[in-house]
PDB file of N, CA and C in Angstrom:
ATOM      1  N   MET A   1       0.828  -1.189   0.000  1.00  0.00           N
ATOM      2  CA  MET A   1       0.000   0.000   0.000  1.00  0.00           C
ATOM      3  C   MET A   1       0.872   1.253   0.000  1.00  0.00           C
ATOM      4  N   SER A   2       2.136   1.097  -0.238  1.00  0.00           N
ATOM      5  CA  SER A   2       3.039   2.230  -0.071  1.00  0.00           C
ATOM      6  C   SER A   2       2.722   3.416  -0.965  1.00  0.00           C
ATOM      7  N   CYS A   3       2.263   3.198  -2.188  1.00  0.00           N
ATOM      8  CA  CYS A   3       1.984   4.362  -3.043  1.00  0.00           C
ATOM      9  C   CYS A   3       0.572   4.308  -3.632  1.00  0.00           C
ATOM     10  N   LEU A   4      -0.258   3.451  -3.137  1.00  0.00           N
ATOM     11  CA  LEU A   4      -1.625   3.278  -3.628  1.00  0.00           C
ATOM     12  C   LEU A   4      -1.659   3.007  -5.131  1.00  0.00           C
ATOM     13  N   SER A   5      -1.012   1.930  -5.527  1.00  0.00           N
ATOM     14  CA  SER A   5      -1.035   1.530  -6.925  1.00  0.00           C
ATOM     15  C   SER A   5      -2.435   1.044  -7.293  1.00  0.00           C
ATOM     16  N   LYS A   6      -2.629   0.703  -8.553  1.00  0.00           N
ATOM     17  CA  LYS A   6      -3.959   0.342  -9.051  1.00  0.00           C
ATOM     18  C   LYS A   6      -4.622  -0.770  -8.253  1.00  0.00           C
ATOM     19  N   GLU A   7      -3.847  -1.719  -7.805  1.00  0.00           N
ATOM     20  CA  GLU A   7      -4.429  -2.851  -7.089  1.00  0.00           C
ATOM     21  C   GLU A   7      -5.072  -2.443  -5.769  1.00  0.00           C
ATOM     22  N   TYR A   8      -4.702  -1.288  -5.239  1.00  0.00           N
ATOM     23  CA  TYR A   8      -5.246  -0.826  -3.962  1.00  0.00           C
ATOM     24  C   TYR A   8      -6.322   0.240  -4.116  1.00  0.00           C
ATOM     25  N   ARG A   9      -6.710   0.567  -5.342  1.00  0.00           N
ATOM     26  CA  ARG A   9      -7.698   1.624  -5.560  1.00  0.00           C
ATOM     27  C   ARG A   9      -9.104   1.045  -5.699  1.00  0.00           C
ATOM     28  N   LEU A  10     -10.018   1.697  -5.077  1.00  0.00           N
ATOM     29  CA  LEU A  10     -11.434   1.378  -5.211  1.00  0.00           C
ATOM     30  C   LEU A  10     -11.967   2.312  -6.285  1.00  0.00           C
ATOM     31  N   ASN A  11     -12.404   1.770  -7.436  1.00  0.00           N
ATOM     32  CA  ASN A  11     -12.758   2.688  -8.515  1.00  0.00           C
ATOM     33  C   ASN A  11     -14.000   2.329  -9.319  1.00  0.00           C
ATOM     34  N   THR A  12     -14.687   1.247  -9.046  1.00  0.00           N
ATOM     35  CA  THR A  12     -15.889   0.952  -9.824  1.00  0.00           C
ATOM     36  C   THR A  12     -17.127   1.488  -9.109  1.00  0.00           C
ATOM     37  N   GLN A  13     -18.078   1.929  -9.882  1.00  0.00           N
ATOM     38  CA  GLN A  13     -19.320   2.470  -9.329  1.00  0.00           C
ATOM     39  C   GLN A  13     -20.025   1.426  -8.471  1.00  0.00           C
ATOM     40  N   LYS A  14     -19.945   0.173  -8.877  1.00  0.00           N
ATOM     41  CA  LYS A  14     -20.573  -0.916  -8.135  1.00  0.00           C
ATOM     42  C   LYS A  14     -19.983  -1.015  -6.721  1.00  0.00           C
ATOM     43  N   ASP A  15     -18.656  -0.930  -6.623  1.00  0.00           N
ATOM     44  CA  ASP A  15     -18.003  -1.004  -5.317  1.00  0.00           C
ATOM     45  C   ASP A  15     -18.369   0.188  -4.435  1.00  0.00           C
ATOM     46  N   PHE A  16     -18.408   1.383  -5.033  1.00  0.00           N
ATOM     47  CA  PHE A  16     -18.781   2.582  -4.277  1.00  0.00           C
ATOM     48  C   PHE A  16     -20.209   2.449  -3.746  1.00  0.00           C
ATOM     49  N   SER A  17     -21.137   2.057  -4.615  1.00  0.00           N
ATOM     50  CA  SER A  17     -22.543   1.938  -4.210  1.00  0.00           C
ATOM     51  C   SER A  17     -22.713   0.924  -3.094  1.00  0.00           C
ATOM     52  N   LYS A  18     -22.062  -0.217  -3.238  1.00  0.00           N
ATOM     53  CA  LYS A  18     -22.171  -1.267  -2.232  1.00  0.00           C
ATOM     54  C   LYS A  18     -21.638  -0.778  -0.881  1.00  0.00           C
ATOM     55  N   LEU A  19     -20.518  -0.081  -0.919  1.00  0.00           N
ATOM     56  CA  LEU A  19     -19.916   0.402   0.322  1.00  0.00           C
ATOM     57  C   LEU A  19     -20.763   1.492   0.975  1.00  0.00           C
ATOM     58  N   TYR A  20     -21.313   2.399   0.172  1.00  0.00           N
ATOM     59  CA  TYR A  20     -22.174   3.451   0.722  1.00  0.00           C
ATOM     60  C   TYR A  20     -23.435   2.855   1.351  1.00  0.00           C
ATOM     61  N   LYS A  21     -23.993   1.803   0.745  1.00  0.00           N
ATOM     62  CA  LYS A  21     -25.244   1.219   1.240  1.00  0.00           C
ATOM     63  C   LYS A  21     -25.033   0.289   2.426  1.00  0.00           C
ATOM     64  N   SER A  22     -24.060  -0.621   2.330  1.00  0.00           N
ATOM     65  CA  SER A  22     -23.950  -1.659   3.350  1.00  0.00           C
ATOM     66  C   SER A  22     -22.752  -1.503   4.280  1.00  0.00           C
ATOM     67  N   GLY A  23     -21.849  -0.582   3.969  1.00  0.00           N
ATOM     68  CA  GLY A  23     -20.685  -0.396   4.824  1.00  0.00           C
ATOM     69  C   GLY A  23     -21.010   0.436   6.054  1.00  0.00           C
ATOM     70  N   LYS A  24     -20.086   0.442   6.982  1.00  0.00           N
ATOM     71  CA  LYS A  24     -20.234   1.262   8.181  1.00  0.00           C
ATOM     72  C   LYS A  24     -19.591   2.611   7.914  1.00  0.00           C
ATOM     73  N   SER A  25     -20.006   3.629   8.671  1.00  0.00           N
ATOM     74  CA  SER A  25     -19.426   4.953   8.462  1.00  0.00           C
ATOM     75  C   SER A  25     -19.070   5.595   9.795  1.00  0.00           C
ATOM     76  N   TRP A  26     -18.145   6.546   9.717  1.00  0.00           N
ATOM     77  CA  TRP A  26     -17.721   7.307  10.887  1.00  0.00           C
ATOM     78  C   TRP A  26     -17.483   8.737  10.439  1.00  0.00           C
ATOM     79  N   HIS A  27     -18.080   9.685  11.149  1.00  0.00           N
ATOM     80  CA  HIS A  27     -17.968  11.098  10.800  1.00  0.00           C
ATOM     81  C   HIS A  27     -16.993  11.796  11.741  1.00  0.00           C
ATOM     82  N   THR A  28     -16.143  12.626  11.168  1.00  0.00           N
ATOM     83  CA  THR A  28     -15.294  13.516  11.954  1.00  0.00           C
ATOM     84  C   THR A  28     -15.576  14.935  11.468  1.00  0.00           C
ATOM     85  N   ALA A  29     -14.884  15.897  12.023  1.00  0.00           N
ATOM     86  CA  ALA A  29     -15.102  17.285  11.615  1.00  0.00           C
ATOM     87  C   ALA A  29     -14.665  17.534  10.178  1.00  0.00           C
ATOM     88  N   SER A  30     -13.691  16.773   9.696  1.00  0.00           N
ATOM     89  CA  SER A  30     -13.130  17.069   8.378  1.00  0.00           C
ATOM     90  C   SER A  30     -13.375  16.009   7.311  1.00  0.00           C
ATOM     91  N   PHE A  31     -13.849  14.835   7.674  1.00  0.00           N
ATOM     92  CA  PHE A  31     -14.113  13.805   6.668  1.00  0.00           C
ATOM     93  C   PHE A  31     -15.098  12.767   7.201  1.00  0.00           C
ATOM     94  N   VAL A  32     -15.605  11.958   6.277  1.00  0.00           N
ATOM     95  CA  VAL A  32     -16.442  10.812   6.617  1.00  0.00           C
ATOM     96  C   VAL A  32     -15.722   9.576   6.099  1.00  0.00           C
ATOM     97  N   ALA A  33     -15.610   8.565   6.930  1.00  0.00           N
ATOM     98  CA  ALA A  33     -14.972   7.317   6.522  1.00  0.00           C
ATOM     99  C   ALA A  33     -16.041   6.245   6.374  1.00  0.00           C
ATOM    100  N   PHE A  34     -16.090   5.618   5.213  1.00  0.00           N
ATOM    101  CA  PHE A  34     -16.949   4.466   4.969  1.00  0.00           C
ATOM    102  C   PHE A  34     -16.035   3.258   4.868  1.00  0.00           C
ATOM    103  N   PHE A  35     -16.420   2.150   5.498  1.00  0.00           N
ATOM    104  CA  PHE A  35     -15.555   0.978   5.435  1.00  0.00           C
ATOM    105  C   PHE A  35     -16.360  -0.303   5.553  1.00  0.00           C
ATOM    106  N   ASP A  36     -15.768  -1.353   5.022  1.00  0.00           N
ATOM    107  CA  ASP A  36     -16.324  -2.695   5.095  1.00  0.00           C
ATOM    108  C   ASP A  36     -15.136  -3.643   5.032  1.00  0.00           C
ATOM    109  N   LEU A  37     -14.935  -4.455   6.059  1.00  0.00           N
ATOM    110  CA  LEU A  37     -13.780  -5.345   6.089  1.00  0.00           C
ATOM    111  C   LEU A  37     -13.925  -6.436   5.029  1.00  0.00           C
ATOM    112  N   GLN A  38     -12.860  -6.666   4.277  1.00  0.00           N
ATOM    113  CA  GLN A  38     -12.821  -7.612   3.161  1.00  0.00           C
ATOM    114  C   GLN A  38     -11.472  -8.334   3.185  1.00  0.00           C
ATOM    115  N   PRO A  39     -11.295  -9.370   2.343  1.00  0.00           N
ATOM    116  CA  PRO A  39      -9.997 -10.066   2.303  1.00  0.00           C
ATOM    117  C   PRO A  39      -8.858  -9.220   1.717  1.00  0.00           C
ATOM    118  N   THR A  40      -9.176  -8.260   0.853  1.00  0.00           N
ATOM    119  CA  THR A  40      -8.144  -7.399   0.265  1.00  0.00           C
ATOM    120  C   THR A  40      -8.420  -5.950   0.656  1.00  0.00           C
ATOM    121  N   ILE A  41      -7.426  -5.100   0.445  1.00  0.00           N
ATOM    122  CA  ILE A  41      -7.594  -3.688   0.792  1.00  0.00           C
ATOM    123  C   ILE A  41      -7.749  -2.852  -0.471  1.00  0.00           C
ATOM    124  N   LYS A  42      -8.775  -1.988  -0.474  1.00  0.00           N
ATOM    125  CA  LYS A  42      -9.008  -1.049  -1.572  1.00  0.00           C
ATOM    126  C   LYS A  42      -9.450   0.268  -0.947  1.00  0.00           C
ATOM    127  N   ILE A  43      -8.898   1.374  -1.464  1.00  0.00           N
ATOM    128  CA  ILE A  43      -9.117   2.680  -0.851  1.00  0.00           C
ATOM    129  C   ILE A  43      -9.475   3.710  -1.910  1.00  0.00           C
ATOM    130  N   ALA A  44     -10.374   4.646  -1.548  1.00  0.00           N
ATOM    131  CA  ALA A  44     -10.708   5.771  -2.429  1.00  0.00           C
ATOM    132  C   ALA A  44     -10.791   7.037  -1.584  1.00  0.00           C
ATOM    133  N   PHE A  45     -10.410   8.149  -2.195  1.00  0.00           N
ATOM    134  CA  PHE A  45     -10.500   9.463  -1.555  1.00  0.00           C
ATOM    135  C   PHE A  45     -11.395  10.332  -2.419  1.00  0.00           C
ATOM    136  N   VAL A  46     -12.411  10.952  -1.802  1.00  0.00           N
ATOM    137  CA  VAL A  46     -13.393  11.734  -2.543  1.00  0.00           C
ATOM    138  C   VAL A  46     -13.451  13.144  -1.970  1.00  0.00           C
ATOM    139  N   ALA A  47     -13.476  14.120  -2.867  1.00  0.00           N
ATOM    140  CA  ALA A  47     -13.660  15.518  -2.468  1.00  0.00           C
ATOM    141  C   ALA A  47     -14.624  16.140  -3.469  1.00  0.00           C
ATOM    142  N   SER A  48     -15.818  16.486  -3.016  1.00  0.00           N
ATOM    143  CA  SER A  48     -16.832  17.024  -3.922  1.00  0.00           C
ATOM    144  C   SER A  48     -16.603  18.508  -4.167  1.00  0.00           C
ATOM    145  N   LYS A  49     -17.424  19.083  -5.017  1.00  0.00           N
ATOM    146  CA  LYS A  49     -17.295  20.505  -5.336  1.00  0.00           C
ATOM    147  C   LYS A  49     -17.654  21.394  -4.151  1.00  0.00           C
ATOM    148  N   LYS A  50     -18.236  20.827  -3.104  1.00  0.00           N
ATOM    149  CA  LYS A  50     -18.510  21.596  -1.888  1.00  0.00           C
ATOM    150  C   LYS A  50     -17.203  22.044  -1.229  1.00  0.00           C
ATOM    151  N   ILE A  51     -16.131  21.329  -1.503  1.00  0.00           N
ATOM    152  CA  ILE A  51     -14.826  21.658  -0.932  1.00  0.00           C
ATOM    153  C   ILE A  51     -14.275  22.937  -1.551  1.00  0.00           C
ATOM    154  N   GLY A  52     -14.484  23.102  -2.840  1.00  0.00           N
ATOM    155  CA  GLY A  52     -13.967  24.287  -3.523  1.00  0.00           C
ATOM    156  C   GLY A  52     -13.564  23.952  -4.943  1.00  0.00           C
ATOM    157  N   ASN A  53     -12.652  24.742  -5.483  1.00  0.00           N
ATOM    158  CA  ASN A  53     -12.228  24.512  -6.862  1.00  0.00           C
ATOM    159  C   ASN A  53     -11.304  23.291  -6.939  1.00  0.00           C
ATOM    160  N   ALA A  54     -10.845  22.979  -8.135  1.00  0.00           N
ATOM    161  CA  ALA A  54     -10.055  21.769  -8.353  1.00  0.00           C
ATOM    162  C   ALA A  54      -8.780  21.749  -7.516  1.00  0.00           C
ATOM    163  N   VAL A  55      -8.158  22.894  -7.358  1.00  0.00           N
ATOM    164  CA  VAL A  55      -6.923  22.964  -6.574  1.00  0.00           C
ATOM    165  C   VAL A  55      -7.193  22.570  -5.122  1.00  0.00           C
ATOM    166  N   GLU A  56      -8.267  23.088  -4.539  1.00  0.00           N
ATOM    167  CA  GLU A  56      -8.599  22.776  -3.148  1.00  0.00           C
ATOM    168  C   GLU A  56      -9.019  21.319  -2.988  1.00  0.00           C
ATOM    169  N   ARG A  57      -9.766  20.792  -3.961  1.00  0.00           N
ATOM    170  CA  ARG A  57     -10.180  19.384  -3.900  1.00  0.00           C
ATOM    171  C   ARG A  57      -8.963  18.463  -3.978  1.00  0.00           C
ATOM    172  N   ASN A  58      -8.047  18.766  -4.891  1.00  0.00           N
ATOM    173  CA  ASN A  58      -6.844  17.940  -5.017  1.00  0.00           C
ATOM    174  C   ASN A  58      -5.988  18.013  -3.760  1.00  0.00           C
ATOM    175  N   LEU A  59      -5.892  19.193  -3.162  1.00  0.00           N
ATOM    176  CA  LEU A  59      -5.140  19.347  -1.918  1.00  0.00           C
ATOM    177  C   LEU A  59      -5.756  18.489  -0.812  1.00  0.00           C
ATOM    178  N   ALA A  60      -7.079  18.506  -0.713  1.00  0.00           N
ATOM    179  CA  ALA A  60      -7.763  17.704   0.308  1.00  0.00           C
ATOM    180  C   ALA A  60      -7.476  16.221   0.102  1.00  0.00           C
ATOM    181  N   ARG A  61      -7.559  15.751  -1.144  1.00  0.00           N
ATOM    182  CA  ARG A  61      -7.281  14.336  -1.428  1.00  0.00           C
ATOM    183  C   ARG A  61      -5.821  13.986  -1.136  1.00  0.00           C
ATOM    184  N   ARG A  62      -4.907  14.856  -1.528  1.00  0.00           N
ATOM    185  CA  ARG A  62      -3.477  14.597  -1.283  1.00  0.00           C
ATOM    186  C   ARG A  62      -3.176  14.529   0.208  1.00  0.00           C
ATOM    187  N   ARG A  63      -3.781  15.416   0.979  1.00  0.00           N
ATOM    188  CA  ARG A  63      -3.543  15.415   2.423  1.00  0.00           C
ATOM    189  C   ARG A  63      -4.093  14.145   3.065  1.00  0.00           C
ATOM    190  N   MET A  64      -5.303  13.738   2.677  1.00  0.00           N
ATOM    191  CA  MET A  64      -5.873  12.508   3.232  1.00  0.00           C
ATOM    192  C   MET A  64      -5.007  11.307   2.855  1.00  0.00           C
ATOM    193  N   ARG A  65      -4.567  11.254   1.605  1.00  0.00           N
ATOM    194  CA  ARG A  65      -3.731  10.148   1.135  1.00  0.00           C
ATOM    195  C   ARG A  65      -2.405  10.107   1.904  1.00  0.00           C
ATOM    196  N   ALA A  66      -1.778  11.257   2.087  1.00  0.00           N
ATOM    197  CA  ALA A  66      -0.495  11.320   2.794  1.00  0.00           C
ATOM    198  C   ALA A  66      -0.634  10.833   4.233  1.00  0.00           C
ATOM    199  N   ILE A  67      -1.705  11.218   4.881  1.00  0.00           N
ATOM    200  CA  ILE A  67      -1.912  10.792   6.267  1.00  0.00           C
ATOM    201  C   ILE A  67      -2.163   9.298   6.334  1.00  0.00           C
ATOM    202  N   LEU A  68      -2.961   8.784   5.424  1.00  0.00           N
ATOM    203  CA  LEU A  68      -3.242   7.351   5.441  1.00  0.00           C
ATOM    204  C   LEU A  68      -1.978   6.542   5.170  1.00  0.00           C
ATOM    205  N   LEU A  69      -1.094   7.042   4.329  1.00  0.00           N
ATOM    206  CA  LEU A  69       0.146   6.323   4.032  1.00  0.00           C
ATOM    207  C   LEU A  69       1.069   6.247   5.244  1.00  0.00           C
ATOM    208  N   THR A  70       0.884   7.122   6.229  1.00  0.00           N
ATOM    209  CA  THR A  70       1.704   7.031   7.440  1.00  0.00           C
ATOM    210  C   THR A  70       1.352   5.790   8.256  1.00  0.00           C
ATOM    211  N   PHE A  71       0.166   5.247   8.030  1.00  0.00           N
ATOM    212  CA  PHE A  71      -0.227   4.020   8.720  1.00  0.00           C
ATOM    213  C   PHE A  71       0.343   2.790   8.034  1.00  0.00           C
ATOM    214  N   ASP A  72       0.863   2.964   6.814  1.00  0.00           N
ATOM    215  CA  ASP A  72       1.503   1.934   6.007  1.00  0.00           C
ATOM    216  C   ASP A  72       0.671   0.650   5.992  1.00  0.00           C
ATOM    217  N   ASN A  73       1.186  -0.455   6.494  1.00  0.00           N
ATOM    218  CA  ASN A  73       0.463  -1.733   6.440  1.00  0.00           C
ATOM    219  C   ASN A  73      -0.176  -2.082   7.774  1.00  0.00           C
ATOM    220  N   LYS A  74      -0.526  -1.079   8.562  1.00  0.00           N
ATOM    221  CA  LYS A  74      -1.100  -1.322   9.880  1.00  0.00           C
ATOM    222  C   LYS A  74      -2.621  -1.380   9.860  1.00  0.00           C
ATOM    223  N   ILE A  75      -3.240  -1.020   8.738  1.00  0.00           N
ATOM    224  CA  ILE A  75      -4.699  -0.988   8.654  1.00  0.00           C
ATOM    225  C   ILE A  75      -5.217  -2.339   8.180  1.00  0.00           C
ATOM    226  N   LYS A  76      -6.312  -2.782   8.782  1.00  0.00           N
ATOM    227  CA  LYS A  76      -6.923  -4.054   8.396  1.00  0.00           C
ATOM    228  C   LYS A  76      -7.381  -4.010   6.948  1.00  0.00           C
ATOM    229  N   ASN A  77      -7.424  -5.181   6.313  1.00  0.00           N
ATOM    230  CA  ASN A  77      -7.894  -5.274   4.933  1.00  0.00           C
ATOM    231  C   ASN A  77      -9.374  -4.941   4.861  1.00  0.00           C
ATOM    232  N   GLY A  78      -9.766  -4.294   3.783  1.00  0.00           N
ATOM    233  CA  GLY A  78     -11.158  -3.929   3.585  1.00  0.00           C
ATOM    234  C   GLY A  78     -11.282  -2.867   2.521  1.00  0.00           C
ATOM    235  N   ASN A  79     -12.502  -2.463   2.260  1.00  0.00           N
ATOM    236  CA  ASN A  79     -12.772  -1.371   1.328  1.00  0.00           C
ATOM    237  C   ASN A  79     -13.007  -0.107   2.144  1.00  0.00           C
ATOM    238  N   TYR A  80     -12.349   0.978   1.740  1.00  0.00           N
ATOM    239  CA  TYR A  80     -12.437   2.243   2.463  1.00  0.00           C
ATOM    240  C   TYR A  80     -12.708   3.382   1.490  1.00  0.00           C
ATOM    241  N   ILE A  81     -13.603   4.279   1.878  1.00  0.00           N
ATOM    242  CA  ILE A  81     -13.808   5.529   1.149  1.00  0.00           C
ATOM    243  C   ILE A  81     -13.699   6.648   2.179  1.00  0.00           C
ATOM    244  N   PHE A  82     -12.857   7.626   1.886  1.00  0.00           N
ATOM    245  CA  PHE A  82     -12.712   8.795   2.742  1.00  0.00           C
ATOM    246  C   PHE A  82     -13.252   9.990   1.973  1.00  0.00           C
ATOM    247  N   VAL A  83     -14.345  10.579   2.478  1.00  0.00           N
ATOM    248  CA  VAL A  83     -15.011  11.699   1.811  1.00  0.00           C
ATOM    249  C   VAL A  83     -14.711  12.972   2.596  1.00  0.00           C
ATOM    250  N   ALA A  84     -14.081  13.925   1.932  1.00  0.00           N
ATOM    251  CA  ALA A  84     -13.715  15.187   2.583  1.00  0.00           C
ATOM    252  C   ALA A  84     -14.955  16.041   2.825  1.00  0.00           C
ATOM    253  N   LYS A  85     -14.981  16.733   3.969  1.00  0.00           N
ATOM    254  CA  LYS A  85     -16.025  17.710   4.275  1.00  0.00           C
ATOM    255  C   LYS A  85     -15.438  19.108   4.085  1.00  0.00           C
ATOM    256  N   ALA A  86     -16.290  20.103   3.967  1.00  0.00           N
ATOM    257  CA  ALA A  86     -15.842  21.477   3.713  1.00  0.00           C
ATOM    258  C   ALA A  86     -14.836  22.003   4.745  1.00  0.00           C
ATOM    259  N   PRO A  87     -14.968  21.698   6.040  1.00  0.00           N
ATOM    260  CA  PRO A  87     -14.000  22.242   7.009  1.00  0.00           C
ATOM    261  C   PRO A  87     -12.563  21.750   6.821  1.00  0.00           C
ATOM    262  N   ILE A  88     -12.355  20.769   5.969  1.00  0.00           N
ATOM    263  CA  ILE A  88     -10.998  20.249   5.766  1.00  0.00           C
ATOM    264  C   ILE A  88     -10.056  21.339   5.262  1.00  0.00           C
ATOM    265  N   LYS A  89     -10.611  22.333   4.570  1.00  0.00           N
ATOM    266  CA  LYS A  89      -9.787  23.425   4.030  1.00  0.00           C
ATOM    267  C   LYS A  89      -9.148  24.250   5.136  1.00  0.00           C
ATOM    268  N   ASN A  90      -9.842  24.380   6.252  1.00  0.00           N
ATOM    269  CA  ASN A  90      -9.388  25.257   7.329  1.00  0.00           C
ATOM    270  C   ASN A  90      -8.609  24.529   8.418  1.00  0.00           C
ATOM    271  N   ARG A  91      -8.461  23.230   8.286  1.00  0.00           N
ATOM    272  CA  ARG A  91      -7.771  22.462   9.321  1.00  0.00           C
ATOM    273  C   ARG A  91      -6.307  22.273   8.939  1.00  0.00           C
ATOM    274  N   SER A  92      -5.456  22.326   9.945  1.00  0.00           N
ATOM    275  CA  SER A  92      -4.030  22.110   9.693  1.00  0.00           C
ATOM    276  C   SER A  92      -3.786  20.620   9.457  1.00  0.00           C
ATOM    277  N   PHE A  93      -2.614  20.324   8.943  1.00  0.00           N
ATOM    278  CA  PHE A  93      -2.254  18.933   8.685  1.00  0.00           C
ATOM    279  C   PHE A  93      -2.261  18.133   9.986  1.00  0.00           C
ATOM    280  N   LEU A  94      -1.778  18.718  11.073  1.00  0.00           N
ATOM    281  CA  LEU A  94      -1.748  18.015  12.360  1.00  0.00           C
ATOM    282  C   LEU A  94      -3.151  17.740  12.893  1.00  0.00           C
ATOM    283  N   GLU A  95      -4.060  18.700  12.741  1.00  0.00           N
ATOM    284  CA  GLU A  95      -5.447  18.481  13.174  1.00  0.00           C
ATOM    285  C   GLU A  95      -6.086  17.365  12.352  1.00  0.00           C
ATOM    286  N   LEU A  96      -5.813  17.365  11.067  1.00  0.00           N
ATOM    287  CA  LEU A  96      -6.353  16.324  10.191  1.00  0.00           C
ATOM    288  C   LEU A  96      -5.778  14.961  10.567  1.00  0.00           C
ATOM    289  N   LYS A  97      -4.496  14.918  10.882  1.00  0.00           N
ATOM    290  CA  LYS A  97      -3.868  13.662  11.297  1.00  0.00           C
ATOM    291  C   LYS A  97      -4.485  13.157  12.598  1.00  0.00           C
ATOM    292  N   LYS A  98      -4.775  14.066  13.530  1.00  0.00           N
ATOM    293  CA  LYS A  98      -5.419  13.670  14.786  1.00  0.00           C
ATOM    294  C   LYS A  98      -6.803  13.086  14.516  1.00  0.00           C
ATOM    295  N   ASP A  99      -7.549  13.683  13.580  1.00  0.00           N
ATOM    296  CA  ASP A  99      -8.863  13.144  13.202  1.00  0.00           C
ATOM    297  C   ASP A  99      -8.729  11.719  12.675  1.00  0.00           C
ATOM    298  N   PHE A 100      -7.750  11.499  11.790  1.00  0.00           N
ATOM    299  CA  PHE A 100      -7.535  10.160  11.236  1.00  0.00           C
ATOM    300  C   PHE A 100      -7.137   9.184  12.334  1.00  0.00           C
ATOM    301  N   ASP A 101      -6.196   9.585  13.185  1.00  0.00           N
ATOM    302  CA  ASP A 101      -5.762   8.715  14.282  1.00  0.00           C
ATOM    303  C   ASP A 101      -6.946   8.311  15.151  1.00  0.00           C
ATOM    304  N   PHE A 102      -7.748   9.303  15.533  1.00  0.00           N
ATOM    305  CA  PHE A 102      -8.890   9.033  16.397  1.00  0.00           C
ATOM    306  C   PHE A 102      -9.884   8.093  15.717  1.00  0.00           C
ATOM    307  N   ALA A 103     -10.213   8.377  14.461  1.00  0.00           N
ATOM    308  CA  ALA A 103     -11.200   7.562  13.752  1.00  0.00           C
ATOM    309  C   ALA A 103     -10.721   6.126  13.583  1.00  0.00           C
ATOM    310  N   ILE A 104      -9.483   5.943  13.187  1.00  0.00           N
ATOM    311  CA  ILE A 104      -8.975   4.591  12.937  1.00  0.00           C
ATOM    312  C   ILE A 104      -8.864   3.796  14.234  1.00  0.00           C
ATOM    313  N   ARG A 105      -8.455   4.448  15.296  1.00  0.00           N
ATOM    314  CA  ARG A 105      -8.377   3.744  16.581  1.00  0.00           C
ATOM    315  C   ARG A 105      -9.773   3.473  17.147  1.00  0.00           C
ATOM    316  N   ARG A 106     -10.671   4.416  17.017  1.00  0.00           N
ATOM    317  CA  ARG A 106     -12.038   4.259  17.519  1.00  0.00           C
ATOM    318  C   ARG A 106     -12.764   3.121  16.801  1.00  0.00           C
ATOM    319  N   LEU A 107     -12.510   2.993  15.505  1.00  0.00           N
ATOM    320  CA  LEU A 107     -13.163   1.952  14.711  1.00  0.00           C
ATOM    321  C   LEU A 107     -12.420   0.621  14.771  1.00  0.00           C
ATOM    322  N   GLU A 108     -11.315   0.594  15.498  1.00  0.00           N
ATOM    323  CA  GLU A 108     -10.496  -0.613  15.655  1.00  0.00           C
ATOM    324  C   GLU A 108     -10.075  -1.176  14.299  1.00  0.00           C
ATOM    325  N   LEU A 109      -9.535  -0.309  13.453  1.00  0.00           N
ATOM    326  CA  LEU A 109      -9.127  -0.719  12.113  1.00  0.00           C
ATOM    327  C   LEU A 109      -7.635  -1.015  12.011  1.00  0.00           C
ATOM    328  N   LEU A 110      -6.917  -0.972  13.118  1.00  0.00           N
ATOM    329  CA  LEU A 110      -5.497  -1.314  13.093  1.00  0.00           C
ATOM    330  C   LEU A 110      -5.326  -2.810  13.289  1.00  0.00           C
ATOM    331  N   LYS A 111      -4.335  -3.376  12.604  1.00  0.00           N
ATOM    332  CA  LYS A 111      -4.069  -4.821  12.725  1.00  0.00           C
ATOM    333  C   LYS A 111      -3.530  -5.134  14.095  1.00  0.00           C
TER     334      LYS A 111
END
């Protein structure tokens, strides 16, 4: 999972729909995490136009991706979608990292 190559990306509409409907979710101030434990790991980062223009959306996705990569191979296998909320623009990288740490530990997603 070191660079999120194709094998680790969640990208089909079918997978997104299934995860949104039947997966569990957790809300923080800056993002919503949807997850469903599976035999393999697949991850997606979403930032809608509510976040802002393309530059701001890409920044939000890059920040979420960078923070998740700090967990390296410590996260349990499953399908994950991280959806950015509008306040993500105003949060520092450290605040965002604390949100991720709290959510992942609270949901017991560490191996």
